[in-house]
Amino acid sequence: PDFQKGLKDGVILCELMNKLQPNSVR
C-alpha cells in the first residue's frame, strides 16, 4: 500500500533492473 516503503529496501527495484537488463545487479 505504501509506495515509498515498498521500494525502500531496493529489492524490488533491483529485480526490476534485472528484468530490463539481465545480470545488471549481481
mmCIF file of all heavy atoms, coordinates in Angstrom:
data_MODEL
# 
_entry.id   MODEL 
# 
loop_
_atom_site.group_PDB 
_atom_site.id 
_atom_site.type_symbol 
_atom_site.label_atom_id 
_atom_site.label_alt_id 
_atom_site.label_comp_id 
_atom_site.label_asym_id 
_atom_site.label_entity_id 
_atom_site.label_seq_id 
_atom_site.pdbx_PDB_ins_code 
_atom_site.Cartn_x 
_atom_site.Cartn_y 
_atom_site.Cartn_z 
_atom_site.occupancy 
_atom_site.B_iso_or_equiv 
_atom_site.pdbx_formal_charge 
_atom_site.auth_seq_id 
_atom_site.auth_comp_id 
_atom_site.auth_asym_id 
_atom_site.auth_atom_id 
_atom_site.pdbx_PDB_model_num 
ATOM 1   N N   . PRO A 1 1  ? 0.807  -1.231  0.000   1.00 0.00 ? 1  PRO A N   1 
ATOM 2   C CA  . PRO A 1 1  ? 0.000  0.000   0.000   1.00 0.00 ? 1  PRO A CA  1 
ATOM 3   C C   . PRO A 1 1  ? 0.837  1.276   0.000   1.00 0.00 ? 1  PRO A C   1 
ATOM 4   O O   . PRO A 1 1  ? 0.418  2.290   -0.561  1.00 0.00 ? 1  PRO A O   1 
ATOM 5   C CB  . PRO A 1 1  ? -0.841 -0.123  1.288   1.00 0.00 ? 1  PRO A CB  1 
ATOM 6   C CG  . PRO A 1 1  ? -0.052 -1.043  2.167   1.00 0.00 ? 1  PRO A CG  1 
ATOM 7   C CD  . PRO A 1 1  ? 0.639  -2.000  1.260   1.00 0.00 ? 1  PRO A CD  1 
ATOM 8   N N   . ASP A 1 2  ? 1.990  1.234   0.657   1.00 0.00 ? 2  ASP A N   1 
ATOM 9   C CA  . ASP A 1 2  ? 2.860  2.422   0.724   1.00 0.00 ? 2  ASP A CA  1 
ATOM 10  C C   . ASP A 1 2  ? 3.945  2.278   -0.346  1.00 0.00 ? 2  ASP A C   1 
ATOM 11  O O   . ASP A 1 2  ? 4.786  1.373   -0.272  1.00 0.00 ? 2  ASP A O   1 
ATOM 12  C CB  . ASP A 1 2  ? 3.477  2.571   2.114   1.00 0.00 ? 2  ASP A CB  1 
ATOM 13  C CG  . ASP A 1 2  ? 4.106  3.945   2.329   1.00 0.00 ? 2  ASP A CG  1 
ATOM 14  O OD1 . ASP A 1 2  ? 4.804  4.421   1.405   1.00 0.00 ? 2  ASP A OD1 1 
ATOM 15  O OD2 . ASP A 1 2  ? 3.903  4.552   3.393   1.00 0.00 ? 2  ASP A OD2 1 
ATOM 16  N N   . PHE A 1 3  ? 3.923  3.189   -1.329  1.00 0.00 ? 3  PHE A N   1 
ATOM 17  C CA  . PHE A 1 3  ? 4.861  3.092   -2.461  1.00 0.00 ? 3  PHE A CA  1 
ATOM 18  C C   . PHE A 1 3  ? 6.305  3.276   -2.004  1.00 0.00 ? 3  PHE A C   1 
ATOM 19  O O   . PHE A 1 3  ? 7.199  2.538   -2.421  1.00 0.00 ? 3  PHE A O   1 
ATOM 20  C CB  . PHE A 1 3  ? 4.489  4.153   -3.503  1.00 0.00 ? 3  PHE A CB  1 
ATOM 21  C CG  . PHE A 1 3  ? 5.236  4.034   -4.801  1.00 0.00 ? 3  PHE A CG  1 
ATOM 22  C CD1 . PHE A 1 3  ? 4.911  3.043   -5.717  1.00 0.00 ? 3  PHE A CD1 1 
ATOM 23  C CD2 . PHE A 1 3  ? 6.260  4.911   -5.111  1.00 0.00 ? 3  PHE A CD2 1 
ATOM 24  C CE1 . PHE A 1 3  ? 5.592  2.926   -6.911  1.00 0.00 ? 3  PHE A CE1 1 
ATOM 25  C CE2 . PHE A 1 3  ? 6.949  4.802   -6.299  1.00 0.00 ? 3  PHE A CE2 1 
ATOM 26  C CZ  . PHE A 1 3  ? 6.618  3.802   -7.210  1.00 0.00 ? 3  PHE A CZ  1 
ATOM 27  N N   . GLN A 1 4  ? 6.551  4.237   -1.130  1.00 0.00 ? 4  GLN A N   1 
ATOM 28  C CA  . GLN A 1 4  ? 7.914  4.522   -0.675  1.00 0.00 ? 4  GLN A CA  1 
ATOM 29  C C   . GLN A 1 4  ? 8.465  3.385   0.173   1.00 0.00 ? 4  GLN A C   1 
ATOM 30  O O   . GLN A 1 4  ? 9.602  2.945   -0.011  1.00 0.00 ? 4  GLN A O   1 
ATOM 31  C CB  . GLN A 1 4  ? 7.929  5.847   0.097   1.00 0.00 ? 4  GLN A CB  1 
ATOM 32  C CG  . GLN A 1 4  ? 9.311  6.314   0.534   1.00 0.00 ? 4  GLN A CG  1 
ATOM 33  C CD  . GLN A 1 4  ? 9.678  5.852   1.937   1.00 0.00 ? 4  GLN A CD  1 
ATOM 34  O OE1 . GLN A 1 4  ? 8.794  5.553   2.750   1.00 0.00 ? 4  GLN A OE1 1 
ATOM 35  N NE2 . GLN A 1 4  ? 10.973 5.804   2.223   1.00 0.00 ? 4  GLN A NE2 1 
ATOM 36  N N   . LYS A 1 5  ? 7.670  2.882   1.105   1.00 0.00 ? 5  LYS A N   1 
ATOM 37  C CA  . LYS A 1 5  ? 8.137  1.798   1.975   1.00 0.00 ? 5  LYS A CA  1 
ATOM 38  C C   . LYS A 1 5  ? 8.309  0.502   1.199   1.00 0.00 ? 5  LYS A C   1 
ATOM 39  O O   . LYS A 1 5  ? 9.175  -0.315  1.527   1.00 0.00 ? 5  LYS A O   1 
ATOM 40  C CB  . LYS A 1 5  ? 7.156  1.590   3.128   1.00 0.00 ? 5  LYS A CB  1 
ATOM 41  C CG  . LYS A 1 5  ? 7.153  2.741   4.136   1.00 0.00 ? 5  LYS A CG  1 
ATOM 42  C CD  . LYS A 1 5  ? 6.191  2.461   5.281   1.00 0.00 ? 5  LYS A CD  1 
ATOM 43  C CE  . LYS A 1 5  ? 6.203  3.605   6.300   1.00 0.00 ? 5  LYS A CE  1 
ATOM 44  N NZ  . LYS A 1 5  ? 5.262  3.351   7.426   1.00 0.00 ? 5  LYS A NZ  1 
ATOM 45  N N   . GLY A 1 6  ? 7.511  0.290   0.172   1.00 0.00 ? 6  GLY A N   1 
ATOM 46  C CA  . GLY A 1 6  ? 7.637  -0.931  -0.603  1.00 0.00 ? 6  GLY A CA  1 
ATOM 47  C C   . GLY A 1 6  ? 8.895  -0.966  -1.454  1.00 0.00 ? 6  GLY A C   1 
ATOM 48  O O   . GLY A 1 6  ? 9.391  -2.057  -1.784  1.00 0.00 ? 6  GLY A O   1 
ATOM 49  N N   . LEU A 1 7  ? 9.432  0.215   -1.815  1.00 0.00 ? 7  LEU A N   1 
ATOM 50  C CA  . LEU A 1 7  ? 10.660 0.274   -2.623  1.00 0.00 ? 7  LEU A CA  1 
ATOM 51  C C   . LEU A 1 7  ? 11.879 0.654   -1.817  1.00 0.00 ? 7  LEU A C   1 
ATOM 52  O O   . LEU A 1 7  ? 12.991 0.700   -2.351  1.00 0.00 ? 7  LEU A O   1 
ATOM 53  C CB  . LEU A 1 7  ? 10.479 1.288   -3.764  1.00 0.00 ? 7  LEU A CB  1 
ATOM 54  C CG  . LEU A 1 7  ? 9.336  1.028   -4.736  1.00 0.00 ? 7  LEU A CG  1 
ATOM 55  C CD1 . LEU A 1 7  ? 9.274  2.144   -5.775  1.00 0.00 ? 7  LEU A CD1 1 
ATOM 56  C CD2 . LEU A 1 7  ? 9.487  -0.326  -5.422  1.00 0.00 ? 7  LEU A CD2 1 
ATOM 57  N N   . LYS A 1 8  ? 11.709 0.946   -0.536  1.00 0.00 ? 8  LYS A N   1 
ATOM 58  C CA  . LYS A 1 8  ? 12.779 1.487   0.296   1.00 0.00 ? 8  LYS A CA  1 
ATOM 59  C C   . LYS A 1 8  ? 13.973 0.542   0.414   1.00 0.00 ? 8  LYS A C   1 
ATOM 60  O O   . LYS A 1 8  ? 15.128 0.986   0.388   1.00 0.00 ? 8  LYS A O   1 
ATOM 61  C CB  . LYS A 1 8  ? 12.209 1.811   1.679   1.00 0.00 ? 8  LYS A CB  1 
ATOM 62  C CG  . LYS A 1 8  ? 13.223 2.331   2.671   1.00 0.00 ? 8  LYS A CG  1 
ATOM 63  C CD  . LYS A 1 8  ? 12.571 2.607   4.009   1.00 0.00 ? 8  LYS A CD  1 
ATOM 64  C CE  . LYS A 1 8  ? 13.603 3.074   5.030   1.00 0.00 ? 8  LYS A CE  1 
ATOM 65  N NZ  . LYS A 1 8  ? 12.980 3.339   6.360   1.00 0.00 ? 8  LYS A NZ  1 
ATOM 66  N N   . ASP A 1 9  ? 13.712 -0.772  0.518   1.00 0.00 ? 9  ASP A N   1 
ATOM 67  C CA  . ASP A 1 9  ? 14.823 -1.714  0.705   1.00 0.00 ? 9  ASP A CA  1 
ATOM 68  C C   . ASP A 1 9  ? 15.585 -1.977  -0.587  1.00 0.00 ? 9  ASP A C   1 
ATOM 69  O O   . ASP A 1 9  ? 16.674 -2.560  -0.567  1.00 0.00 ? 9  ASP A O   1 
ATOM 70  C CB  . ASP A 1 9  ? 14.322 -3.027  1.299   1.00 0.00 ? 9  ASP A CB  1 
ATOM 71  C CG  . ASP A 1 9  ? 13.248 -3.680  0.439   1.00 0.00 ? 9  ASP A CG  1 
ATOM 72  O OD1 . ASP A 1 9  ? 12.901 -3.112  -0.631  1.00 0.00 ? 9  ASP A OD1 1 
ATOM 73  O OD2 . ASP A 1 9  ? 12.741 -4.755  0.829   1.00 0.00 ? 9  ASP A OD2 1 
ATOM 74  N N   . GLY A 1 10 ? 15.046 -1.569  -1.744  1.00 0.00 ? 10 GLY A N   1 
ATOM 75  C CA  . GLY A 1 10 ? 15.747 -1.714  -3.012  1.00 0.00 ? 10 GLY A CA  1 
ATOM 76  C C   . GLY A 1 10 ? 15.647 -3.072  -3.657  1.00 0.00 ? 10 GLY A C   1 
ATOM 77  O O   . GLY A 1 10 ? 16.183 -3.278  -4.759  1.00 0.00 ? 10 GLY A O   1 
ATOM 78  N N   . VAL A 1 11 ? 14.965 -4.037  -3.006  1.00 0.00 ? 11 VAL A N   1 
ATOM 79  C CA  . VAL A 1 11 ? 14.909 -5.385  -3.547  1.00 0.00 ? 11 VAL A CA  1 
ATOM 80  C C   . VAL A 1 11 ? 14.090 -5.416  -4.837  1.00 0.00 ? 11 VAL A C   1 
ATOM 81  O O   . VAL A 1 11 ? 14.529 -5.960  -5.870  1.00 0.00 ? 11 VAL A O   1 
ATOM 82  C CB  . VAL A 1 11 ? 14.311 -6.354  -2.498  1.00 0.00 ? 11 VAL A CB  1 
ATOM 83  C CG1 . VAL A 1 11 ? 14.137 -7.757  -3.101  1.00 0.00 ? 11 VAL A CG1 1 
ATOM 84  C CG2 . VAL A 1 11 ? 15.211 -6.421  -1.273  1.00 0.00 ? 11 VAL A CG2 1 
ATOM 85  N N   . ILE A 1 12 ? 12.891 -4.848  -4.799  1.00 0.00 ? 12 ILE A N   1 
ATOM 86  C CA  . ILE A 1 12 ? 12.030 -4.863  -5.989  1.00 0.00 ? 12 ILE A CA  1 
ATOM 87  C C   . ILE A 1 12 ? 12.675 -4.072  -7.131  1.00 0.00 ? 12 ILE A C   1 
ATOM 88  O O   . ILE A 1 12 ? 12.594 -4.467  -8.308  1.00 0.00 ? 12 ILE A O   1 
ATOM 89  C CB  . ILE A 1 12 ? 10.642 -4.301  -5.639  1.00 0.00 ? 12 ILE A CB  1 
ATOM 90  C CG1 . ILE A 1 12 ? 9.966  -5.204  -4.605  1.00 0.00 ? 12 ILE A CG1 1 
ATOM 91  C CG2 . ILE A 1 12 ? 9.783  -4.167  -6.887  1.00 0.00 ? 12 ILE A CG2 1 
ATOM 92  C CD1 . ILE A 1 12 ? 8.582  -4.727  -4.195  1.00 0.00 ? 12 ILE A CD1 1 
ATOM 93  N N   . LEU A 1 13 ? 13.346 -2.973  -6.803  1.00 0.00 ? 13 LEU A N   1 
ATOM 94  C CA  . LEU A 1 13 ? 13.993 -2.175  -7.842  1.00 0.00 ? 13 LEU A CA  1 
ATOM 95  C C   . LEU A 1 13 ? 15.130 -2.943  -8.501  1.00 0.00 ? 13 LEU A C   1 
ATOM 96  O O   . LEU A 1 13 ? 15.317 -2.866  -9.730  1.00 0.00 ? 13 LEU A O   1 
ATOM 97  C CB  . LEU A 1 13 ? 14.508 -0.861  -7.247  1.00 0.00 ? 13 LEU A CB  1 
ATOM 98  C CG  . LEU A 1 13 ? 13.442 0.127   -6.771  1.00 0.00 ? 13 LEU A CG  1 
ATOM 99  C CD1 . LEU A 1 13 ? 14.082 1.364   -6.159  1.00 0.00 ? 13 LEU A CD1 1 
ATOM 100 C CD2 . LEU A 1 13 ? 12.510 0.522   -7.912  1.00 0.00 ? 13 LEU A CD2 1 
ATOM 101 N N   . CYS A 1 14 ? 15.902 -3.696  -7.709  1.00 0.00 ? 14 CYS A N   1 
ATOM 102 C CA  . CYS A 1 14 ? 16.974 -4.499  -8.304  1.00 0.00 ? 14 CYS A CA  1 
ATOM 103 C C   . CYS A 1 14 ? 16.404 -5.622  -9.171  1.00 0.00 ? 14 CYS A C   1 
ATOM 104 O O   . CYS A 1 14 ? 16.955 -5.955  -10.224 1.00 0.00 ? 14 CYS A O   1 
ATOM 105 C CB  . CYS A 1 14 ? 17.850 -5.085  -7.198  1.00 0.00 ? 14 CYS A CB  1 
ATOM 106 S SG  . CYS A 1 14 ? 18.845 -3.845  -6.321  1.00 0.00 ? 14 CYS A SG  1 
ATOM 107 N N   . GLU A 1 15 ? 15.270 -6.206  -8.716  1.00 0.00 ? 15 GLU A N   1 
ATOM 108 C CA  . GLU A 1 15 ? 14.611 -7.225  -9.544  1.00 0.00 ? 15 GLU A CA  1 
ATOM 109 C C   . GLU A 1 15 ? 14.107 -6.608  -10.850 1.00 0.00 ? 15 GLU A C   1 
ATOM 110 O O   . GLU A 1 15 ? 14.195 -7.236  -11.923 1.00 0.00 ? 15 GLU A O   1 
ATOM 111 C CB  . GLU A 1 15 ? 13.441 -7.837  -8.764  1.00 0.00 ? 15 GLU A CB  1 
ATOM 112 C CG  . GLU A 1 15 ? 13.853 -8.647  -7.549  1.00 0.00 ? 15 GLU A CG  1 
ATOM 113 C CD  . GLU A 1 15 ? 14.456 -9.998  -7.917  1.00 0.00 ? 15 GLU A CD  1 
ATOM 114 O OE1 . GLU A 1 15 ? 14.400 -10.374 -9.110  1.00 0.00 ? 15 GLU A OE1 1 
ATOM 115 O OE2 . GLU A 1 15 ? 15.001 -10.661 -7.012  1.00 0.00 ? 15 GLU A OE2 1 
ATOM 116 N N   . LEU A 1 16 ? 13.605 -5.386  -10.778 1.00 0.00 ? 16 LEU A N   1 
ATOM 117 C CA  . LEU A 1 16 ? 13.153 -4.694  -11.980 1.00 0.00 ? 16 LEU A CA  1 
ATOM 118 C C   . LEU A 1 16 ? 14.308 -4.468  -12.949 1.00 0.00 ? 16 LEU A C   1 
ATOM 119 O O   . LEU A 1 16 ? 14.168 -4.693  -14.164 1.00 0.00 ? 16 LEU A O   1 
ATOM 120 C CB  . LEU A 1 16 ? 12.530 -3.354  -11.583 1.00 0.00 ? 16 LEU A CB  1 
ATOM 121 C CG  . LEU A 1 16 ? 12.155 -2.403  -12.726 1.00 0.00 ? 16 LEU A CG  1 
ATOM 122 C CD1 . LEU A 1 16 ? 11.053 -2.986  -13.591 1.00 0.00 ? 16 LEU A CD1 1 
ATOM 123 C CD2 . LEU A 1 16 ? 11.747 -1.042  -12.185 1.00 0.00 ? 16 LEU A CD2 1 
ATOM 124 N N   . MET A 1 17 ? 15.454 -4.081  -12.430 1.00 0.00 ? 17 MET A N   1 
ATOM 125 C CA  . MET A 1 17 ? 16.602 -3.806  -13.289 1.00 0.00 ? 17 MET A CA  1 
ATOM 126 C C   . MET A 1 17 ? 17.116 -5.080  -13.952 1.00 0.00 ? 17 MET A C   1 
ATOM 127 O O   . MET A 1 17 ? 17.527 -5.074  -15.120 1.00 0.00 ? 17 MET A O   1 
ATOM 128 C CB  . MET A 1 17 ? 17.705 -3.149  -12.454 1.00 0.00 ? 17 MET A CB  1 
ATOM 129 C CG  . MET A 1 17 ? 18.658 -2.307  -13.256 1.00 0.00 ? 17 MET A CG  1 
ATOM 130 S SD  . MET A 1 17 ? 17.887 -0.850  -13.978 1.00 0.00 ? 17 MET A SD  1 
ATOM 131 C CE  . MET A 1 17 ? 18.259 -1.115  -15.701 1.00 0.00 ? 17 MET A CE  1 
ATOM 132 N N   . ASN A 1 18 ? 17.057 -6.199  -13.214 1.00 0.00 ? 18 ASN A N   1 
ATOM 133 C CA  . ASN A 1 18 ? 17.495 -7.472  -13.806 1.00 0.00 ? 18 ASN A CA  1 
ATOM 134 C C   . ASN A 1 18 ? 16.522 -7.967  -14.871 1.00 0.00 ? 18 ASN A C   1 
ATOM 135 O O   . ASN A 1 18 ? 16.920 -8.698  -15.779 1.00 0.00 ? 18 ASN A O   1 
ATOM 136 C CB  . ASN A 1 18 ? 17.648 -8.535  -12.710 1.00 0.00 ? 18 ASN A CB  1 
ATOM 137 C CG  . ASN A 1 18 ? 18.920 -8.321  -11.887 1.00 0.00 ? 18 ASN A CG  1 
ATOM 138 O OD1 . ASN A 1 18 ? 19.889 -7.728  -12.358 1.00 0.00 ? 18 ASN A OD1 1 
ATOM 139 N ND2 . ASN A 1 18 ? 18.904 -8.798  -10.641 1.00 0.00 ? 18 ASN A ND2 1 
ATOM 140 N N   . LYS A 1 19 ? 15.237 -7.562  -14.773 1.00 0.00 ? 19 LYS A N   1 
ATOM 141 C CA  . LYS A 1 19 ? 14.283 -7.914  -15.822 1.00 0.00 ? 19 LYS A CA  1 
ATOM 142 C C   . LYS A 1 19 ? 14.536 -7.092  -17.087 1.00 0.00 ? 19 LYS A C   1 
ATOM 143 O O   . LYS A 1 19 ? 14.423 -7.609  -18.190 1.00 0.00 ? 19 LYS A O   1 
ATOM 144 C CB  . LYS A 1 19 ? 12.857 -7.666  -15.325 1.00 0.00 ? 19 LYS A CB  1 
ATOM 145 C CG  . LYS A 1 19 ? 12.412 -8.613  -14.225 1.00 0.00 ? 19 LYS A CG  1 
ATOM 146 C CD  . LYS A 1 19 ? 12.206 -10.021 -14.751 1.00 0.00 ? 19 LYS A CD  1 
ATOM 147 C CE  . LYS A 1 19 ? 11.641 -10.922 -13.661 1.00 0.00 ? 19 LYS A CE  1 
ATOM 148 N NZ  . LYS A 1 19 ? 11.423 -12.322 -14.138 1.00 0.00 ? 19 LYS A NZ  1 
ATOM 149 N N   . LEU A 1 20 ? 14.886 -5.810  -16.888 1.00 0.00 ? 20 LEU A N   1 
ATOM 150 C CA  . LEU A 1 20 ? 15.142 -4.956  -18.046 1.00 0.00 ? 20 LEU A CA  1 
ATOM 151 C C   . LEU A 1 20 ? 16.474 -5.288  -18.700 1.00 0.00 ? 20 LEU A C   1 
ATOM 152 O O   . LEU A 1 20 ? 16.589 -5.295  -19.929 1.00 0.00 ? 20 LEU A O   1 
ATOM 153 C CB  . LEU A 1 20 ? 15.129 -3.481  -17.610 1.00 0.00 ? 20 LEU A CB  1 
ATOM 154 C CG  . LEU A 1 20 ? 13.816 -2.961  -17.014 1.00 0.00 ? 20 LEU A CG  1 
ATOM 155 C CD1 . LEU A 1 20 ? 13.955 -1.492  -16.614 1.00 0.00 ? 20 LEU A CD1 1 
ATOM 156 C CD2 . LEU A 1 20 ? 12.663 -3.132  -17.995 1.00 0.00 ? 20 LEU A CD2 1 
ATOM 157 N N   . GLN A 1 21 ? 17.479 -5.576  -17.870 1.00 0.00 ? 21 GLN A N   1 
ATOM 158 C CA  . GLN A 1 21 ? 18.813 -5.917  -18.375 1.00 0.00 ? 21 GLN A CA  1 
ATOM 159 C C   . GLN A 1 21 ? 19.369 -7.021  -17.484 1.00 0.00 ? 21 GLN A C   1 
ATOM 160 O O   . GLN A 1 21 ? 19.798 -6.759  -16.364 1.00 0.00 ? 21 GLN A O   1 
ATOM 161 C CB  . GLN A 1 21 ? 19.738 -4.692  -18.359 1.00 0.00 ? 21 GLN A CB  1 
ATOM 162 C CG  . GLN A 1 21 ? 21.066 -4.927  -19.046 1.00 0.00 ? 21 GLN A CG  1 
ATOM 163 C CD  . GLN A 1 21 ? 21.885 -3.648  -19.130 1.00 0.00 ? 21 GLN A CD  1 
ATOM 164 O OE1 . GLN A 1 21 ? 21.527 -2.636  -18.544 1.00 0.00 ? 21 GLN A OE1 1 
ATOM 165 N NE2 . GLN A 1 21 ? 22.988 -3.700  -19.867 1.00 0.00 ? 21 GLN A NE2 1 
ATOM 166 N N   . PRO A 1 22 ? 19.348 -8.246  -17.940 1.00 0.00 ? 22 PRO A N   1 
ATOM 167 C CA  . PRO A 1 22 ? 19.738 -9.380  -17.078 1.00 0.00 ? 22 PRO A CA  1 
ATOM 168 C C   . PRO A 1 22 ? 21.158 -9.211  -16.524 1.00 0.00 ? 22 PRO A C   1 
ATOM 169 O O   . PRO A 1 22 ? 22.064 -8.723  -17.188 1.00 0.00 ? 22 PRO A O   1 
ATOM 170 C CB  . PRO A 1 22 ? 19.644 -10.591 -18.011 1.00 0.00 ? 22 PRO A CB  1 
ATOM 171 C CG  . PRO A 1 22 ? 18.664 -10.160 -19.059 1.00 0.00 ? 22 PRO A CG  1 
ATOM 172 C CD  . PRO A 1 22 ? 18.875 -8.691  -19.260 1.00 0.00 ? 22 PRO A CD  1 
ATOM 173 N N   . ASN A 1 23 ? 21.281 -9.608  -15.254 1.00 0.00 ? 23 ASN A N   1 
ATOM 174 C CA  . ASN A 1 23 ? 22.557 -9.606  -14.529 1.00 0.00 ? 23 ASN A CA  1 
ATOM 175 C C   . ASN A 1 23 ? 23.150 -8.194  -14.376 1.00 0.00 ? 23 ASN A C   1 
ATOM 176 O O   . ASN A 1 23 ? 24.356 -8.060  -14.200 1.00 0.00 ? 23 ASN A O   1 
ATOM 177 C CB  . ASN A 1 23 ? 23.578 -10.513 -15.225 1.00 0.00 ? 23 ASN A CB  1 
ATOM 178 C CG  . ASN A 1 23 ? 23.146 -11.974 -15.251 1.00 0.00 ? 23 ASN A CG  1 
ATOM 179 O OD1 . ASN A 1 23 ? 22.532 -12.453 -14.294 1.00 0.00 ? 23 ASN A OD1 1 
ATOM 180 N ND2 . ASN A 1 23 ? 23.452 -12.667 -16.339 1.00 0.00 ? 23 ASN A ND2 1 
ATOM 181 N N   . SER A 1 24 ? 22.319 -7.183  -14.456 1.00 0.00 ? 24 SER A N   1 
ATOM 182 C CA  . SER A 1 24 ? 22.830 -5.830  -14.218 1.00 0.00 ? 24 SER A CA  1 
ATOM 183 C C   . SER A 1 24 ? 23.102 -5.588  -12.729 1.00 0.00 ? 24 SER A C   1 
ATOM 184 O O   . SER A 1 24 ? 23.989 -4.815  -12.372 1.00 0.00 ? 24 SER A O   1 
ATOM 185 C CB  . SER A 1 24 ? 21.840 -4.797  -14.751 1.00 0.00 ? 24 SER A CB  1 
ATOM 186 O OG  . SER A 1 24 ? 20.574 -4.967  -14.137 1.00 0.00 ? 24 SER A OG  1 
ATOM 187 N N   . VAL A 1 25 ? 22.332 -6.250  -11.851 1.00 0.00 ? 25 VAL A N   1 
ATOM 188 C CA  . VAL A 1 25 ? 22.592 -6.215  -10.402 1.00 0.00 ? 25 VAL A CA  1 
ATOM 189 C C   . VAL A 1 25 ? 22.869 -7.650  -9.979  1.00 0.00 ? 25 VAL A C   1 
ATOM 190 O O   . VAL A 1 25 ? 21.970 -8.477  -9.887  1.00 0.00 ? 25 VAL A O   1 
ATOM 191 C CB  . VAL A 1 25 ? 21.390 -5.637  -9.623  1.00 0.00 ? 25 VAL A CB  1 
ATOM 192 C CG1 . VAL A 1 25 ? 21.700 -5.611  -8.121  1.00 0.00 ? 25 VAL A CG1 1 
ATOM 193 C CG2 . VAL A 1 25 ? 21.046 -4.233  -10.111 1.00 0.00 ? 25 VAL A CG2 1 
ATOM 194 N N   . ARG A 1 26 ? 24.134 -7.957  -9.725  1.00 0.00 ? 26 ARG A N   1 
ATOM 195 C CA  . ARG A 1 26 ? 24.540 -9.342  -9.474  1.00 0.00 ? 26 ARG A CA  1 
ATOM 196 C C   . ARG A 1 26 ? 24.181 -9.799  -8.061  1.00 0.00 ? 26 ARG A C   1 
ATOM 197 O O   . ARG A 1 26 ? 23.930 -10.976 -7.828  1.00 0.00 ? 26 ARG A O   1 
ATOM 198 C CB  . ARG A 1 26 ? 26.046 -9.488  -9.708  1.00 0.00 ? 26 ARG A CB  1 
ATOM 199 C CG  . ARG A 1 26 ? 26.446 -9.204  -11.159 1.00 0.00 ? 26 ARG A CG  1 
ATOM 200 C CD  . ARG A 1 26 ? 27.930 -9.424  -11.373 1.00 0.00 ? 26 ARG A CD  1 
ATOM 201 N NE  . ARG A 1 26 ? 28.312 -9.167  -12.753 1.00 0.00 ? 26 ARG A NE  1 
ATOM 202 C CZ  . ARG A 1 26 ? 28.212 -10.056 -13.745 1.00 0.00 ? 26 ARG A CZ  1 
ATOM 203 N NH1 . ARG A 1 26 ? 27.740 -11.269 -13.503 1.00 0.00 ? 26 ARG A NH1 1 
ATOM 204 N NH2 . ARG A 1 26 ? 28.569 -9.731  -14.974 1.00 0.00 ? 26 ARG A NH2 1 
# 
